[in-house]
């Protein structure tokens, strides 16, 4: 049997929130229950290619894309004007993958370190996600 792959996109803060069982862990558990294999940037090995190119390749090799998006925009792709999280979403969209996007509710009680001091980039990204269909 060939196990399908699910790209799980998130910023590092979402991998630890909420503290006792993160939303990302809930996604990983669901992927396992579906008998599929999760693919996450945090487990990428070092390689010769640029991280953004490798990221695009790994997203493109998956059957499904899942994002867990809070209130941090994430690490910027060197030489580009977007975060890796947004790059992953754009790559999944261009590849025609089914996309499941979970946005943390605006009323969530978050510690200050889980929100960007300048929310413009993440708010713009969250709006693009809402409008993406």
C-alpha atoms as a PDB file:
ATOM      1  CA  UNK A   1       0.000   0.000   0.000  1.00  0.00           C
ATOM      2  CA  UNK A   2       1.262   3.482  -0.886  1.00  0.00           C
ATOM      3  CA  UNK A   3       0.703   5.878   2.019  1.00  0.00           C
ATOM      4  CA  UNK A   4      -0.446   9.338   0.974  1.00  0.00           C
ATOM      5  CA  UNK A   5       1.316  12.390   2.303  1.00  0.00           C
ATOM      6  CA  UNK A   6      -0.217  15.431   3.973  1.00  0.00           C
ATOM      7  CA  UNK A   7       1.758  18.665   4.168  1.00  0.00           C
ATOM      8  CA  UNK A   8       1.152  20.237   7.599  1.00  0.00           C
ATOM      9  CA  UNK A   9       1.931  23.955   7.505  1.00  0.00           C
ATOM     10  CA  UNK A  10       2.265  26.074  10.652  1.00  0.00           C
ATOM     11  CA  UNK A  11       4.497  28.487  12.486  1.00  0.00           C
ATOM     12  CA  UNK A  12       6.504  27.093  15.385  1.00  0.00           C
ATOM     13  CA  UNK A  13       4.277  28.766  17.979  1.00  0.00           C
ATOM     14  CA  UNK A  14       1.248  26.787  16.809  1.00  0.00           C
ATOM     15  CA  UNK A  15       3.180  23.564  17.412  1.00  0.00           C
ATOM     16  CA  UNK A  16       3.157  24.448  21.124  1.00  0.00           C
ATOM     17  CA  UNK A  17      -0.307  26.021  21.555  1.00  0.00           C
ATOM     18  CA  UNK A  18      -2.361  25.157  23.483  1.00  0.00           C
ATOM     19  CA  UNK A  19       0.253  23.862  25.870  1.00  0.00           C
ATOM     20  CA  UNK A  20      -1.179  20.450  26.803  1.00  0.00           C
ATOM     21  CA  UNK A  21      -2.095  19.351  23.260  1.00  0.00           C
ATOM     22  CA  UNK A  22      -1.360  21.725  20.431  1.00  0.00           C
ATOM     23  CA  UNK A  23      -3.615  22.268  17.457  1.00  0.00           C
ATOM     24  CA  UNK A  24      -0.760  21.031  15.278  1.00  0.00           C
ATOM     25  CA  UNK A  25      -0.586  17.811  17.292  1.00  0.00           C
ATOM     26  CA  UNK A  26      -4.328  17.372  16.787  1.00  0.00           C
ATOM     27  CA  UNK A  27      -3.760  17.648  13.020  1.00  0.00           C
ATOM     28  CA  UNK A  28      -0.874  15.165  13.159  1.00  0.00           C
ATOM     29  CA  UNK A  29      -3.061  12.728  15.102  1.00  0.00           C
ATOM     30  CA  UNK A  30      -5.831  13.096  12.502  1.00  0.00           C
ATOM     31  CA  UNK A  31      -3.363  12.456   9.680  1.00  0.00           C
ATOM     32  CA  UNK A  32      -2.211   9.273  11.433  1.00  0.00           C
ATOM     33  CA  UNK A  33      -5.825   8.132  11.936  1.00  0.00           C
ATOM     34  CA  UNK A  34      -6.356   8.625   8.203  1.00  0.00           C
ATOM     35  CA  UNK A  35      -3.374   6.291   7.664  1.00  0.00           C
ATOM     36  CA  UNK A  36      -1.433   9.006   5.877  1.00  0.00           C
ATOM     37  CA  UNK A  37       2.061  10.381   6.498  1.00  0.00           C
ATOM     38  CA  UNK A  38       2.587  13.959   7.692  1.00  0.00           C
ATOM     39  CA  UNK A  39       5.243  16.156   6.092  1.00  0.00           C
ATOM     40  CA  UNK A  40       6.429  19.176   8.094  1.00  0.00           C
ATOM     41  CA  UNK A  41       9.162  21.716   7.519  1.00  0.00           C
ATOM     42  CA  UNK A  42      10.529  21.230  11.046  1.00  0.00           C
ATOM     43  CA  UNK A  43      11.705  17.732  10.053  1.00  0.00           C
ATOM     44  CA  UNK A  44      13.406  18.671   6.786  1.00  0.00           C
ATOM     45  CA  UNK A  45      16.994  17.458   6.555  1.00  0.00           C
ATOM     46  CA  UNK A  46      19.862  19.676   5.474  1.00  0.00           C
ATOM     47  CA  UNK A  47      20.518  19.553   1.752  1.00  0.00           C
ATOM     48  CA  UNK A  48      22.147  21.203  -1.232  1.00  0.00           C
ATOM     49  CA  UNK A  49      19.046  23.013  -2.495  1.00  0.00           C
ATOM     50  CA  UNK A  50      17.656  26.291  -1.226  1.00  0.00           C
ATOM     51  CA  UNK A  51      15.181  25.720   1.628  1.00  0.00           C
ATOM     52  CA  UNK A  52      12.374  27.465  -0.316  1.00  0.00           C
ATOM     53  CA  UNK A  53      12.920  25.240  -3.365  1.00  0.00           C
ATOM     54  CA  UNK A  54      12.981  22.106  -1.218  1.00  0.00           C
ATOM     55  CA  UNK A  55       9.852  23.278   0.575  1.00  0.00           C
ATOM     56  CA  UNK A  56       8.041  23.792  -2.751  1.00  0.00           C
ATOM     57  CA  UNK A  57       9.106  20.313  -3.867  1.00  0.00           C
ATOM     58  CA  UNK A  58       7.872  18.653  -0.672  1.00  0.00           C
ATOM     59  CA  UNK A  59       4.504  20.439  -0.799  1.00  0.00           C
ATOM     60  CA  UNK A  60       4.113  19.470  -4.455  1.00  0.00           C
ATOM     61  CA  UNK A  61       4.714  15.796  -3.620  1.00  0.00           C
ATOM     62  CA  UNK A  62       1.838  15.699  -1.141  1.00  0.00           C
ATOM     63  CA  UNK A  63      -1.791  14.785  -1.762  1.00  0.00           C
ATOM     64  CA  UNK A  64      -3.313  17.196   0.779  1.00  0.00           C
ATOM     65  CA  UNK A  65      -2.298  20.490   2.386  1.00  0.00           C
ATOM     66  CA  UNK A  66      -3.333  21.434   5.941  1.00  0.00           C
ATOM     67  CA  UNK A  67      -2.513  24.754   7.621  1.00  0.00           C
ATOM     68  CA  UNK A  68      -2.869  25.824  11.235  1.00  0.00           C
ATOM     69  CA  UNK A  69      -2.596  29.613  11.320  1.00  0.00           C
ATOM     70  CA  UNK A  70      -2.486  31.788  14.407  1.00  0.00           C
ATOM     71  CA  UNK A  71      -1.325  35.365  14.805  1.00  0.00           C
ATOM     72  CA  UNK A  72       2.346  35.134  13.832  1.00  0.00           C
ATOM     73  CA  UNK A  73       3.354  35.475  10.214  1.00  0.00           C
ATOM     74  CA  UNK A  74       6.404  33.255  10.495  1.00  0.00           C
ATOM     75  CA  UNK A  75       9.937  33.216   9.143  1.00  0.00           C
ATOM     76  CA  UNK A  76      10.487  35.116   5.934  1.00  0.00           C
ATOM     77  CA  UNK A  77      11.789  33.349   2.834  1.00  0.00           C
ATOM     78  CA  UNK A  78      15.201  34.899   2.042  1.00  0.00           C
ATOM     79  CA  UNK A  79      14.961  37.142  -1.002  1.00  0.00           C
ATOM     80  CA  UNK A  80      11.155  37.037  -1.072  1.00  0.00           C
ATOM     81  CA  UNK A  81       8.403  39.122   0.502  1.00  0.00           C
ATOM     82  CA  UNK A  82       6.508  36.254   2.129  1.00  0.00           C
ATOM     83  CA  UNK A  83       6.834  33.783   4.969  1.00  0.00           C
ATOM     84  CA  UNK A  84       7.471  30.089   4.494  1.00  0.00           C
ATOM     85  CA  UNK A  85       3.914  29.441   5.673  1.00  0.00           C
ATOM     86  CA  UNK A  86       2.500  31.616   2.898  1.00  0.00           C
ATOM     87  CA  UNK A  87       4.928  30.088   0.365  1.00  0.00           C
ATOM     88  CA  UNK A  88       3.610  26.641   1.316  1.00  0.00           C
ATOM     89  CA  UNK A  89       0.009  27.753   0.881  1.00  0.00           C
ATOM     90  CA  UNK A  90       0.749  29.349  -2.500  1.00  0.00           C
ATOM     91  CA  UNK A  91       2.571  26.216  -3.647  1.00  0.00           C
ATOM     92  CA  UNK A  92      -0.332  23.968  -2.601  1.00  0.00           C
ATOM     93  CA  UNK A  93      -2.764  26.278  -4.399  1.00  0.00           C
ATOM     94  CA  UNK A  94      -0.702  26.291  -7.600  1.00  0.00           C
ATOM     95  CA  UNK A  95      -0.437  22.483  -7.458  1.00  0.00           C
ATOM     96  CA  UNK A  96      -4.218  22.148  -7.116  1.00  0.00           C
ATOM     97  CA  UNK A  97      -4.004  20.277  -3.810  1.00  0.00           C
ATOM     98  CA  UNK A  98      -7.042  19.998  -1.572  1.00  0.00           C
ATOM     99  CA  UNK A  99      -6.450  22.589   1.178  1.00  0.00           C
ATOM    100  CA  UNK A 100      -7.734  22.483   4.733  1.00  0.00           C
ATOM    101  CA  UNK A 101      -7.016  25.722   6.581  1.00  0.00           C
ATOM    102  CA  UNK A 102      -7.656  26.227  10.284  1.00  0.00           C
ATOM    103  CA  UNK A 103      -7.509  29.822  11.521  1.00  0.00           C
ATOM    104  CA  UNK A 104      -7.155  30.460  15.234  1.00  0.00           C
ATOM    105  CA  UNK A 105     -10.167  32.479  16.387  1.00  0.00           C
ATOM    106  CA  UNK A 106      -9.597  36.180  17.019  1.00  0.00           C
ATOM    107  CA  UNK A 107     -11.027  35.787  20.529  1.00  0.00           C
ATOM    108  CA  UNK A 108      -8.447  33.169  21.585  1.00  0.00           C
ATOM    109  CA  UNK A 109      -6.701  34.033  24.841  1.00  0.00           C
ATOM    110  CA  UNK A 110      -3.107  34.111  23.639  1.00  0.00           C
ATOM    111  CA  UNK A 111       0.048  35.032  25.498  1.00  0.00           C
ATOM    112  CA  UNK A 112       1.651  38.183  24.054  1.00  0.00           C
ATOM    113  CA  UNK A 113       4.603  36.207  22.650  1.00  0.00           C
ATOM    114  CA  UNK A 114       2.235  34.306  20.327  1.00  0.00           C
ATOM    115  CA  UNK A 115       1.228  37.411  18.401  1.00  0.00           C
ATOM    116  CA  UNK A 116       3.271  39.621  16.096  1.00  0.00           C
ATOM    117  CA  UNK A 117       4.022  43.081  17.451  1.00  0.00           C
ATOM    118  CA  UNK A 118       3.230  44.432  13.975  1.00  0.00           C
ATOM    119  CA  UNK A 119       0.159  42.440  12.870  1.00  0.00           C
ATOM    120  CA  UNK A 120      -0.088  43.766   9.293  1.00  0.00           C
ATOM    121  CA  UNK A 121       1.593  40.834   7.533  1.00  0.00           C
ATOM    122  CA  UNK A 122      -0.242  38.090   9.408  1.00  0.00           C
ATOM    123  CA  UNK A 123      -3.600  39.864   9.132  1.00  0.00           C
ATOM    124  CA  UNK A 124      -3.091  40.244   5.380  1.00  0.00           C
ATOM    125  CA  UNK A 125      -2.227  36.551   5.091  1.00  0.00           C
ATOM    126  CA  UNK A 126      -5.233  35.516   7.185  1.00  0.00           C
ATOM    127  CA  UNK A 127      -7.465  37.626   4.915  1.00  0.00           C
ATOM    128  CA  UNK A 128      -5.968  36.005   1.788  1.00  0.00           C
ATOM    129  CA  UNK A 129      -6.662  32.599   3.335  1.00  0.00           C
ATOM    130  CA  UNK A 130     -10.291  33.531   4.048  1.00  0.00           C
ATOM    131  CA  UNK A 131     -10.745  34.678   0.449  1.00  0.00           C
ATOM    132  CA  UNK A 132      -9.011  31.677  -1.128  1.00  0.00           C
ATOM    133  CA  UNK A 133     -12.079  29.441  -1.178  1.00  0.00           C
END
